[in-house]
Amino acid sequence: MLAVLQKTKDGYVARFETLNWSINGEDRVRFELYSESDGCRLVLFEKINKMTGDTPKDLAGWHVCLDVIKALLDDRIVDSREKEWEKWYKEYSLLVENFDYS
């Protein structure tokens, strides 16, 4: 894990590179945390080098993870992560299927 703190005029910005994966080493996932007056902002970046059959699965998984984080911060729980994943998997499958690669 790589953590970089930068001092800004409004406080500190923390960037955490938490995960790099792929067969060819080119796909990346990065989380960034930014200080805000009422807490912090979490930003997720995913660089996908090549769309595969796993891409909609991965996107649905990240979507559910972020929904769970939001729910926990709002003092709620997600009743069924699996059902949420299935819903988002269908949506992302359609988006990836219709994605223009040109």
PDB file of N, CA and C in Angstrom:
ATOM      1  N   MET A   1       0.855  -1.172   0.000  1.00  0.00           N
ATOM      2  CA  MET A   1       0.000   0.000   0.000  1.00  0.00           C
ATOM      3  C   MET A   1       0.898   1.230   0.000  1.00  0.00           C
ATOM      4  N   LEU A   2       0.591   2.146  -0.858  1.00  0.00           N
ATOM      5  CA  LEU A   2       1.324   3.397  -0.957  1.00  0.00           C
ATOM      6  C   LEU A   2       0.430   4.505  -0.446  1.00  0.00           C
ATOM      7  N   ALA A   3       0.918   5.280   0.490  1.00  0.00           N
ATOM      8  CA  ALA A   3       0.140   6.409   1.007  1.00  0.00           C
ATOM      9  C   ALA A   3       0.959   7.675   0.816  1.00  0.00           C
ATOM     10  N   VAL A   4       0.351   8.678   0.255  1.00  0.00           N
ATOM     11  CA  VAL A   4       1.010   9.955   0.034  1.00  0.00           C
ATOM     12  C   VAL A   4       0.149  11.040   0.667  1.00  0.00           C
ATOM     13  N   LEU A   5       0.729  11.834   1.539  1.00  0.00           N
ATOM     14  CA  LEU A   5       0.022  12.969   2.120  1.00  0.00           C
ATOM     15  C   LEU A   5       0.573  14.238   1.510  1.00  0.00           C
ATOM     16  N   GLN A   6      -0.319  15.083   1.072  1.00  0.00           N
ATOM     17  CA  GLN A   6       0.080  16.372   0.530  1.00  0.00           C
ATOM     18  C   GLN A   6      -0.573  17.463   1.349  1.00  0.00           C
ATOM     19  N   LYS A   7       0.179  18.479   1.681  1.00  0.00           N
ATOM     20  CA  LYS A   7      -0.379  19.629   2.390  1.00  0.00           C
ATOM     21  C   LYS A   7      -0.967  20.576   1.354  1.00  0.00           C
ATOM     22  N   THR A   8      -2.218  20.961   1.570  1.00  0.00           N
ATOM     23  CA  THR A   8      -2.871  21.932   0.708  1.00  0.00           C
ATOM     24  C   THR A   8      -3.314  23.100   1.563  1.00  0.00           C
ATOM     25  N   LYS A   9      -3.810  24.140   0.946  1.00  0.00           N
ATOM     26  CA  LYS A   9      -4.245  25.298   1.733  1.00  0.00           C
ATOM     27  C   LYS A   9      -5.452  24.969   2.609  1.00  0.00           C
ATOM     28  N   ASP A  10      -6.210  23.925   2.235  1.00  0.00           N
ATOM     29  CA  ASP A  10      -7.396  23.545   3.001  1.00  0.00           C
ATOM     30  C   ASP A  10      -7.149  22.390   3.971  1.00  0.00           C
ATOM     31  N   GLY A  11      -5.974  21.846   4.009  1.00  0.00           N
ATOM     32  CA  GLY A  11      -5.679  20.717   4.891  1.00  0.00           C
ATOM     33  C   GLY A  11      -4.796  19.719   4.186  1.00  0.00           C
ATOM     34  N   TYR A  12      -4.983  18.456   4.485  1.00  0.00           N
ATOM     35  CA  TYR A  12      -4.194  17.398   3.874  1.00  0.00           C
ATOM     36  C   TYR A  12      -5.035  16.603   2.885  1.00  0.00           C
ATOM     37  N   VAL A  13      -4.386  16.146   1.847  1.00  0.00           N
ATOM     38  CA  VAL A  13      -5.003  15.242   0.887  1.00  0.00           C
ATOM     39  C   VAL A  13      -4.250  13.929   1.008  1.00  0.00           C
ATOM     40  N   ALA A  14      -4.963  12.855   1.241  1.00  0.00           N
ATOM     41  CA  ALA A  14      -4.339  11.536   1.329  1.00  0.00           C
ATOM     42  C   ALA A  14      -4.703  10.734   0.091  1.00  0.00           C
ATOM     43  N   ARG A  15      -3.710  10.140  -0.509  1.00  0.00           N
ATOM     44  CA  ARG A  15      -3.953   9.264  -1.649  1.00  0.00           C
ATOM     45  C   ARG A  15      -3.425   7.887  -1.278  1.00  0.00           C
ATOM     46  N   PHE A  16      -4.249   6.870  -1.470  1.00  0.00           N
ATOM     47  CA  PHE A  16      -3.861   5.516  -1.135  1.00  0.00           C
ATOM     48  C   PHE A  16      -3.988   4.635  -2.368  1.00  0.00           C
ATOM     49  N   GLU A  17      -2.903   4.087  -2.813  1.00  0.00           N
ATOM     50  CA  GLU A  17      -2.949   3.125  -3.899  1.00  0.00           C
ATOM     51  C   GLU A  17      -3.019   1.765  -3.233  1.00  0.00           C
ATOM     52  N   THR A  18      -4.165   1.128  -3.348  1.00  0.00           N
ATOM     53  CA  THR A  18      -4.406  -0.060  -2.548  1.00  0.00           C
ATOM     54  C   THR A  18      -4.317  -1.362  -3.322  1.00  0.00           C
ATOM     55  N   LEU A  19      -4.494  -1.296  -4.619  1.00  0.00           N
ATOM     56  CA  LEU A  19      -4.584  -2.550  -5.344  1.00  0.00           C
ATOM     57  C   LEU A  19      -4.209  -2.340  -6.799  1.00  0.00           C
ATOM     58  N   ASN A  20      -3.334  -3.181  -7.285  1.00  0.00           N
ATOM     59  CA  ASN A  20      -3.026  -3.236  -8.712  1.00  0.00           C
ATOM     60  C   ASN A  20      -3.161  -4.690  -9.133  1.00  0.00           C
ATOM     61  N   TRP A  21      -3.903  -4.907 -10.190  1.00  0.00           N
ATOM     62  CA  TRP A  21      -4.020  -6.281 -10.631  1.00  0.00           C
ATOM     63  C   TRP A  21      -4.321  -6.346 -12.108  1.00  0.00           C
ATOM     64  N   SER A  22      -3.903  -7.394 -12.714  1.00  0.00           N
ATOM     65  CA  SER A  22      -4.295  -7.864 -14.030  1.00  0.00           C
ATOM     66  C   SER A  22      -3.241  -8.831 -14.499  1.00  0.00           C
ATOM     67  N   ILE A  23      -3.581  -9.540 -15.515  1.00  0.00           N
ATOM     68  CA  ILE A  23      -2.623 -10.493 -16.076  1.00  0.00           C
ATOM     69  C   ILE A  23      -1.449  -9.736 -16.672  1.00  0.00           C
ATOM     70  N   ASN A  24      -1.723  -8.618 -17.306  1.00  0.00           N
ATOM     71  CA  ASN A  24      -0.648  -7.869 -17.965  1.00  0.00           C
ATOM     72  C   ASN A  24      -0.126  -6.711 -17.122  1.00  0.00           C
ATOM     73  N   GLY A  25      -0.657  -6.540 -15.923  1.00  0.00           N
ATOM     74  CA  GLY A  25      -0.155  -5.499 -15.025  1.00  0.00           C
ATOM     75  C   GLY A  25      -0.581  -4.085 -15.370  1.00  0.00           C
ATOM     76  N   GLU A  26      -1.549  -3.907 -16.280  1.00  0.00           N
ATOM     77  CA  GLU A  26      -1.932  -2.564 -16.699  1.00  0.00           C
ATOM     78  C   GLU A  26      -3.222  -2.048 -16.078  1.00  0.00           C
ATOM     79  N   ASP A  27      -4.076  -2.933 -15.569  1.00  0.00           N
ATOM     80  CA  ASP A  27      -5.305  -2.485 -14.922  1.00  0.00           C
ATOM     81  C   ASP A  27      -4.967  -2.000 -13.514  1.00  0.00           C
ATOM     82  N   ARG A  28      -5.687  -0.982 -13.062  1.00  0.00           N
ATOM     83  CA  ARG A  28      -5.402  -0.404 -11.752  1.00  0.00           C
ATOM     84  C   ARG A  28      -6.676   0.000 -11.049  1.00  0.00           C
ATOM     85  N   VAL A  29      -6.608  -0.052  -9.745  1.00  0.00           N
ATOM     86  CA  VAL A  29      -7.661   0.501  -8.894  1.00  0.00           C
ATOM     87  C   VAL A  29      -6.963   1.404  -7.896  1.00  0.00           C
ATOM     88  N   ARG A  30      -7.509   2.586  -7.711  1.00  0.00           N
ATOM     89  CA  ARG A  30      -6.913   3.534  -6.757  1.00  0.00           C
ATOM     90  C   ARG A  30      -8.034   4.204  -5.971  1.00  0.00           C
ATOM     91  N   PHE A  31      -7.826   4.306  -4.687  1.00  0.00           N
ATOM     92  CA  PHE A  31      -8.727   5.044  -3.820  1.00  0.00           C
ATOM     93  C   PHE A  31      -8.033   6.330  -3.399  1.00  0.00           C
ATOM     94  N   GLU A  32      -8.763   7.418  -3.388  1.00  0.00           N
ATOM     95  CA  GLU A  32      -8.244   8.678  -2.868  1.00  0.00           C
ATOM     96  C   GLU A  32      -9.193   9.191  -1.802  1.00  0.00           C
ATOM     97  N   LEU A  33      -8.633   9.675  -0.711  1.00  0.00           N
ATOM     98  CA  LEU A  33      -9.409  10.286   0.364  1.00  0.00           C
ATOM     99  C   LEU A  33      -9.044  11.753   0.426  1.00  0.00           C
ATOM    100  N   TYR A  34     -10.057  12.601   0.412  1.00  0.00           N
ATOM    101  CA  TYR A  34      -9.839  14.043   0.471  1.00  0.00           C
ATOM    102  C   TYR A  34     -10.509  14.595   1.720  1.00  0.00           C
ATOM    103  N   SER A  35      -9.772  15.400   2.458  1.00  0.00           N
ATOM    104  CA  SER A  35     -10.351  16.066   3.623  1.00  0.00           C
ATOM    105  C   SER A  35     -11.426  17.044   3.176  1.00  0.00           C
ATOM    106  N   GLU A  36     -12.522  17.054   3.910  1.00  0.00           N
ATOM    107  CA  GLU A  36     -13.602  18.000   3.662  1.00  0.00           C
ATOM    108  C   GLU A  36     -14.013  18.571   5.008  1.00  0.00           C
ATOM    109  N   SER A  37     -14.700  19.673   5.010  1.00  0.00           N
ATOM    110  CA  SER A  37     -15.053  20.337   6.264  1.00  0.00           C
ATOM    111  C   SER A  37     -15.896  19.456   7.179  1.00  0.00           C
ATOM    112  N   ASP A  38     -16.719  18.573   6.594  1.00  0.00           N
ATOM    113  CA  ASP A  38     -17.575  17.726   7.425  1.00  0.00           C
ATOM    114  C   ASP A  38     -17.157  16.258   7.403  1.00  0.00           C
ATOM    115  N   GLY A  39     -15.930  15.959   7.019  1.00  0.00           N
ATOM    116  CA  GLY A  39     -15.436  14.579   6.992  1.00  0.00           C
ATOM    117  C   GLY A  39     -14.419  14.388   5.892  1.00  0.00           C
ATOM    118  N   CYS A  40     -14.698  13.459   5.011  1.00  0.00           N
ATOM    119  CA  CYS A  40     -13.797  13.237   3.882  1.00  0.00           C
ATOM    120  C   CYS A  40     -14.592  12.705   2.694  1.00  0.00           C
ATOM    121  N   ARG A  41     -13.957  12.780   1.538  1.00  0.00           N
ATOM    122  CA  ARG A  41     -14.554  12.300   0.288  1.00  0.00           C
ATOM    123  C   ARG A  41     -13.699  11.134  -0.196  1.00  0.00           C
ATOM    124  N   LEU A  42     -14.336  10.035  -0.543  1.00  0.00           N
ATOM    125  CA  LEU A  42     -13.670   8.862  -1.082  1.00  0.00           C
ATOM    126  C   LEU A  42     -13.906   8.826  -2.581  1.00  0.00           C
ATOM    127  N   VAL A  43     -12.831   8.702  -3.344  1.00  0.00           N
ATOM    128  CA  VAL A  43     -12.938   8.624  -4.801  1.00  0.00           C
ATOM    129  C   VAL A  43     -12.281   7.319  -5.238  1.00  0.00           C
ATOM    130  N   LEU A  44     -12.988   6.579  -6.078  1.00  0.00           N
ATOM    131  CA  LEU A  44     -12.473   5.333  -6.635  1.00  0.00           C
ATOM    132  C   LEU A  44     -12.197   5.531  -8.113  1.00  0.00           C
ATOM    133  N   PHE A  45     -10.992   5.189  -8.518  1.00  0.00           N
ATOM    134  CA  PHE A  45     -10.614   5.209  -9.936  1.00  0.00           C
ATOM    135  C   PHE A  45     -10.308   3.775 -10.345  1.00  0.00           C
ATOM    136  N   GLU A  46     -10.805   3.366 -11.496  1.00  0.00           N
ATOM    137  CA  GLU A  46     -10.433   2.071 -12.043  1.00  0.00           C
ATOM    138  C   GLU A  46     -10.028   2.265 -13.487  1.00  0.00           C
ATOM    139  N   LYS A  47      -8.814   1.866 -13.814  1.00  0.00           N
ATOM    140  CA  LYS A  47      -8.330   1.910 -15.197  1.00  0.00           C
ATOM    141  C   LYS A  47      -8.415   0.493 -15.738  1.00  0.00           C
ATOM    142  N   ILE A  48      -9.230   0.334 -16.765  1.00  0.00           N
ATOM    143  CA  ILE A  48      -9.418  -0.974 -17.382  1.00  0.00           C
ATOM    144  C   ILE A  48      -8.720  -0.958 -18.727  1.00  0.00           C
ATOM    145  N   ASN A  49      -7.699  -1.763 -18.862  1.00  0.00           N
ATOM    146  CA  ASN A  49      -6.939  -1.814 -20.102  1.00  0.00           C
ATOM    147  C   ASN A  49      -7.729  -2.495 -21.216  1.00  0.00           C
ATOM    148  N   LYS A  50      -8.426  -3.570 -20.884  1.00  0.00           N
ATOM    149  CA  LYS A  50      -9.174  -4.323 -21.888  1.00  0.00           C
ATOM    150  C   LYS A  50     -10.429  -4.890 -21.238  1.00  0.00           C
ATOM    151  N   MET A  51     -11.582  -4.670 -21.881  1.00  0.00           N
ATOM    152  CA  MET A  51     -12.833  -5.231 -21.392  1.00  0.00           C
ATOM    153  C   MET A  51     -12.812  -6.740 -21.595  1.00  0.00           C
ATOM    154  N   THR A  52     -13.250  -7.467 -20.558  1.00  0.00           N
ATOM    155  CA  THR A  52     -13.333  -8.925 -20.638  1.00  0.00           C
ATOM    156  C   THR A  52     -14.699  -9.360 -20.098  1.00  0.00           C
ATOM    157  N   GLY A  53     -14.922 -10.649 -20.066  1.00  0.00           N
ATOM    158  CA  GLY A  53     -16.151 -11.172 -19.487  1.00  0.00           C
ATOM    159  C   GLY A  53     -16.263 -10.887 -18.004  1.00  0.00           C
ATOM    160  N   ASP A  54     -15.135 -10.636 -17.346  1.00  0.00           N
ATOM    161  CA  ASP A  54     -15.143 -10.325 -15.916  1.00  0.00           C
ATOM    162  C   ASP A  54     -15.400  -8.850 -15.623  1.00  0.00           C
ATOM    163  N   THR A  55     -15.303  -7.986 -16.610  1.00  0.00           N
ATOM    164  CA  THR A  55     -15.449  -6.545 -16.378  1.00  0.00           C
ATOM    165  C   THR A  55     -16.779  -6.185 -15.722  1.00  0.00           C
ATOM    166  N   PRO A  56     -17.932  -6.664 -16.215  1.00  0.00           N
ATOM    167  CA  PRO A  56     -19.182  -6.305 -15.541  1.00  0.00           C
ATOM    168  C   PRO A  56     -19.262  -6.854 -14.120  1.00  0.00           C
ATOM    169  N   LYS A  57     -18.641  -8.009 -13.875  1.00  0.00           N
ATOM    170  CA  LYS A  57     -18.615  -8.576 -12.520  1.00  0.00           C
ATOM    171  C   LYS A  57     -17.831  -7.661 -11.584  1.00  0.00           C
ATOM    172  N   ASP A  58     -16.662  -7.223 -12.054  1.00  0.00           N
ATOM    173  CA  ASP A  58     -15.821  -6.339 -11.242  1.00  0.00           C
ATOM    174  C   ASP A  58     -16.519  -5.010 -10.964  1.00  0.00           C
ATOM    175  N   LEU A  59     -17.117  -4.427 -12.006  1.00  0.00           N
ATOM    176  CA  LEU A  59     -17.799  -3.143 -11.835  1.00  0.00           C
ATOM    177  C   LEU A  59     -18.970  -3.265 -10.865  1.00  0.00           C
ATOM    178  N   ALA A  60     -19.739  -4.339 -10.984  1.00  0.00           N
ATOM    179  CA  ALA A  60     -20.854  -4.563 -10.057  1.00  0.00           C
ATOM    180  C   ALA A  60     -20.326  -4.722  -8.629  1.00  0.00           C
ATOM    181  N   GLY A  61     -19.223  -5.418  -8.484  1.00  0.00           N
ATOM    182  CA  GLY A  61     -18.630  -5.602  -7.159  1.00  0.00           C
ATOM    183  C   GLY A  61     -18.193  -4.296  -6.525  1.00  0.00           C
ATOM    184  N   TRP A  62     -17.523  -3.446  -7.298  1.00  0.00           N
ATOM    185  CA  TRP A  62     -17.109  -2.143  -6.769  1.00  0.00           C
ATOM    186  C   TRP A  62     -18.329  -1.298  -6.437  1.00  0.00           C
ATOM    187  N   HIS A  63     -19.351  -1.355  -7.269  1.00  0.00           N
ATOM    188  CA  HIS A  63     -20.563  -0.580  -7.024  1.00  0.00           C
ATOM    189  C   HIS A  63     -21.185  -0.969  -5.680  1.00  0.00           C
ATOM    190  N   VAL A  64     -21.298  -2.270  -5.443  1.00  0.00           N
ATOM    191  CA  VAL A  64     -21.880  -2.748  -4.186  1.00  0.00           C
ATOM    192  C   VAL A  64     -20.985  -2.365  -3.008  1.00  0.00           C
ATOM    193  N   CYS A  65     -19.672  -2.476  -3.169  1.00  0.00           N
ATOM    194  CA  CYS A  65     -18.758  -2.073  -2.083  1.00  0.00           C
ATOM    195  C   CYS A  65     -18.971  -0.612  -1.698  1.00  0.00           C
ATOM    196  N   LEU A  66     -19.075   0.252  -2.677  1.00  0.00           N
ATOM    197  CA  LEU A  66     -19.291   1.670  -2.394  1.00  0.00           C
ATOM    198  C   LEU A  66     -20.662   1.920  -1.777  1.00  0.00           C
ATOM    199  N   ASP A  67     -21.684   1.188  -2.244  1.00  0.00           N
ATOM    200  CA  ASP A  67     -23.014   1.305  -1.631  1.00  0.00           C
ATOM    201  C   ASP A  67     -22.994   0.868  -0.168  1.00  0.00           C
ATOM    202  N   VAL A  68     -22.253  -0.193   0.131  1.00  0.00           N
ATOM    203  CA  VAL A  68     -22.152  -0.679   1.511  1.00  0.00           C
ATOM    204  C   VAL A  68     -21.443   0.345   2.389  1.00  0.00           C
ATOM    205  N   ILE A  69     -20.365   0.939   1.881  1.00  0.00           N
ATOM    206  CA  ILE A  69     -19.664   1.979   2.645  1.00  0.00           C
ATOM    207  C   ILE A  69     -20.617   3.130   2.943  1.00  0.00           C
ATOM    208  N   LYS A  70     -21.344   3.583   1.928  1.00  0.00           N
ATOM    209  CA  LYS A  70     -22.299   4.680   2.135  1.00  0.00           C
ATOM    210  C   LYS A  70     -23.365   4.299   3.152  1.00  0.00           C
ATOM    211  N   ALA A  71     -23.907   3.095   3.029  1.00  0.00           N
ATOM    212  CA  ALA A  71     -24.933   2.649   3.965  1.00  0.00           C
ATOM    213  C   ALA A  71     -24.390   2.629   5.398  1.00  0.00           C
ATOM    214  N   LEU A  72     -23.193   2.121   5.593  1.00  0.00           N
ATOM    215  CA  LEU A  72     -22.599   2.072   6.932  1.00  0.00           C
ATOM    216  C   LEU A  72     -22.404   3.476   7.503  1.00  0.00           C
ATOM    217  N   LEU A  73     -21.984   4.399   6.655  1.00  0.00           N
ATOM    218  CA  LEU A  73     -21.798   5.775   7.114  1.00  0.00           C
ATOM    219  C   LEU A  73     -23.129   6.431   7.473  1.00  0.00           C
ATOM    220  N   ASP A  74     -24.216   5.973   6.848  1.00  0.00           N
ATOM    221  CA  ASP A  74     -25.555   6.488   7.134  1.00  0.00           C
ATOM    222  C   ASP A  74     -26.271   5.665   8.205  1.00  0.00           C
ATOM    223  N   ASP A  75     -25.536   4.789   8.895  1.00  0.00           N
ATOM    224  CA  ASP A  75     -26.107   3.917   9.936  1.00  0.00           C
ATOM    225  C   ASP A  75     -27.193   2.994   9.387  1.00  0.00           C
ATOM    226  N   ARG A  76     -26.988   2.510   8.180  1.00  0.00           N
ATOM    227  CA  ARG A  76     -27.913   1.562   7.563  1.00  0.00           C
ATOM    228  C   ARG A  76     -27.129   0.307   7.210  1.00  0.00           C
ATOM    229  N   ILE A  77     -27.833  -0.741   6.863  1.00  0.00           N
ATOM    230  CA  ILE A  77     -27.178  -1.936   6.350  1.00  0.00           C
ATOM    231  C   ILE A  77     -27.786  -2.263   4.992  1.00  0.00           C
ATOM    232  N   VAL A  78     -27.025  -2.950   4.171  1.00  0.00           N
ATOM    233  CA  VAL A  78     -27.522  -3.444   2.898  1.00  0.00           C
ATOM    234  C   VAL A  78     -28.018  -4.859   3.160  1.00  0.00           C
ATOM    235  N   ASP A  79     -29.309  -5.073   2.955  1.00  0.00           N
ATOM    236  CA  ASP A  79     -29.921  -6.357   3.309  1.00  0.00           C
ATOM    237  C   ASP A  79     -29.285  -7.540   2.596  1.00  0.00           C
ATOM    238  N   SER A  80     -29.095  -7.434   1.298  1.00  0.00           N
ATOM    239  CA  SER A  80     -28.523  -8.549   0.549  1.00  0.00           C
ATOM    240  C   SER A  80     -27.515  -8.017  -0.458  1.00  0.00           C
ATOM    241  N   ARG A  81     -26.261  -8.156  -0.129  1.00  0.00           N
ATOM    242  CA  ARG A  81     -25.217  -7.726  -1.068  1.00  0.00           C
ATOM    243  C   ARG A  81     -25.284  -8.539  -2.350  1.00  0.00           C
ATOM    244  N   GLU A  82     -25.629  -9.812  -2.218  1.00  0.00           N
ATOM    245  CA  GLU A  82     -25.705 -10.671  -3.399  1.00  0.00           C
ATOM    246  C   GLU A  82     -26.798 -10.194  -4.355  1.00  0.00           C
ATOM    247  N   LYS A  83     -27.971  -9.850  -3.823  1.00  0.00           N
ATOM    248  CA  LYS A  83     -29.055  -9.355  -4.685  1.00  0.00           C
ATOM    249  C   LYS A  83     -28.670  -8.031  -5.327  1.00  0.00           C
ATOM    250  N   GLU A  84     -28.012  -7.165  -4.560  1.00  0.00           N
ATOM    251  CA  GLU A  84     -27.542  -5.892  -5.123  1.00  0.00           C
ATOM    252  C   GLU A  84     -26.529  -6.146  -6.231  1.00  0.00           C
ATOM    253  N   TRP A  85     -25.606  -7.075  -5.998  1.00  0.00           N
ATOM    254  CA  TRP A  85     -24.601  -7.400  -7.006  1.00  0.00           C
ATOM    255  C   TRP A  85     -25.274  -7.918  -8.278  1.00  0.00           C
ATOM    256  N   GLU A  86     -26.245  -8.816  -8.122  1.00  0.00           N
ATOM    257  CA  GLU A  86     -26.939  -9.369  -9.287  1.00  0.00           C
ATOM    258  C   GLU A  86     -27.623  -8.267 -10.097  1.00  0.00           C
ATOM    259  N   LYS A  87     -28.262  -7.327  -9.387  1.00  0.00           N
ATOM    260  CA  LYS A  87     -28.927  -6.201 -10.070  1.00  0.00           C
ATOM    261  C   LYS A  87     -27.911  -5.385 -10.862  1.00  0.00           C
ATOM    262  N   TRP A  88     -26.794  -5.019 -10.217  1.00  0.00           N
ATOM    263  CA  TRP A  88     -25.791  -4.185 -10.888  1.00  0.00           C
ATOM    264  C   TRP A  88     -25.038  -4.958 -11.960  1.00  0.00           C
ATOM    265  N   TYR A  89     -24.838  -6.261 -11.755  1.00  0.00           N
ATOM    266  CA  TYR A  89     -24.187  -7.072 -12.784  1.00  0.00           C
ATOM    267  C   TYR A  89     -24.981  -7.021 -14.086  1.00  0.00           C
ATOM    268  N   LYS A  90     -26.306  -7.140 -14.008  1.00  0.00           N
ATOM    269  CA  LYS A  90     -27.146  -7.057 -15.210  1.00  0.00           C
ATOM    270  C   LYS A  90     -26.976  -5.705 -15.892  1.00  0.00           C
ATOM    271  N   GLU A  91     -26.992  -4.643 -15.092  1.00  0.00           N
ATOM    272  CA  GLU A  91     -26.847  -3.285 -15.654  1.00  0.00           C
ATOM    273  C   GLU A  91     -25.485  -3.108 -16.325  1.00  0.00           C
ATOM    274  N   TYR A  92     -24.420  -3.506 -15.624  1.00  0.00           N
ATOM    275  CA  TYR A  92     -23.080  -3.326 -16.191  1.00  0.00           C
ATOM    276  C   TYR A  92     -22.842  -4.254 -17.383  1.00  0.00           C
ATOM    277  N   SER A  93     -23.457  -5.426 -17.392  1.00  0.00           N
ATOM    278  CA  SER A  93     -23.331  -6.323 -18.548  1.00  0.00           C
ATOM    279  C   SER A  93     -23.882  -5.654 -19.796  1.00  0.00           C
ATOM    280  N   LEU A  94     -25.030  -5.000 -19.657  1.00  0.00           N
ATOM    281  CA  LEU A  94     -25.613  -4.286 -20.795  1.00  0.00           C
ATOM    282  C   LEU A  94     -24.722  -3.129 -21.235  1.00  0.00           C
ATOM    283  N   LEU A  95     -24.199  -2.384 -20.272  1.00  0.00           N
ATOM    284  CA  LEU A  95     -23.332  -1.253 -20.616  1.00  0.00           C
ATOM    285  C   LEU A  95     -22.058  -1.707 -21.318  1.00  0.00           C
ATOM    286  N   VAL A  96     -21.439  -2.756 -20.802  1.00  0.00           N
ATOM    287  CA  VAL A  96     -20.194  -3.252 -21.411  1.00  0.00           C
ATOM    288  C   VAL A  96     -20.486  -3.833 -22.787  1.00  0.00           C
ATOM    289  N   GLU A  97     -21.608  -4.537 -22.910  1.00  0.00           N
ATOM    290  CA  GLU A  97     -21.991  -5.123 -24.202  1.00  0.00           C
ATOM    291  C   GLU A  97     -22.183  -4.050 -25.263  1.00  0.00           C
ATOM    292  N   ASN A  98     -22.726  -2.905 -24.856  1.00  0.00           N
ATOM    293  CA  ASN A  98     -23.005  -1.829 -25.805  1.00  0.00           C
ATOM    294  C   ASN A  98     -21.899  -0.788 -25.886  1.00  0.00           C
ATOM    295  N   PHE A  99     -20.788  -1.032 -25.236  1.00  0.00           N
ATOM    296  CA  PHE A  99     -19.692  -0.080 -25.201  1.00  0.00           C
ATOM    297  C   PHE A  99     -19.019  -0.009 -26.570  1.00  0.00           C
ATOM    298  N   ASP A 100     -18.767   1.187 -27.046  1.00  0.00           N
ATOM    299  CA  ASP A 100     -18.122   1.413 -28.333  1.00  0.00           C
ATOM    300  C   ASP A 100     -16.609   1.419 -28.099  1.00  0.00           C
ATOM    301  N   TYR A 101     -15.900   0.427 -28.608  1.00  0.00           N
ATOM    302  CA  TYR A 101     -14.455   0.286 -28.398  1.00  0.00           C
ATOM    303  C   TYR A 101     -13.608   1.113 -29.363  1.00  0.00           C
ATOM    304  N   SER A 102     -14.250   1.790 -30.319  1.00  0.00           N
ATOM    305  CA  SER A 102     -13.461   2.517 -31.319  1.00  0.00           C
ATOM    306  C   SER A 102     -12.995   3.854 -30.815  1.00  0.00           C
TER     307      SER A 102
END
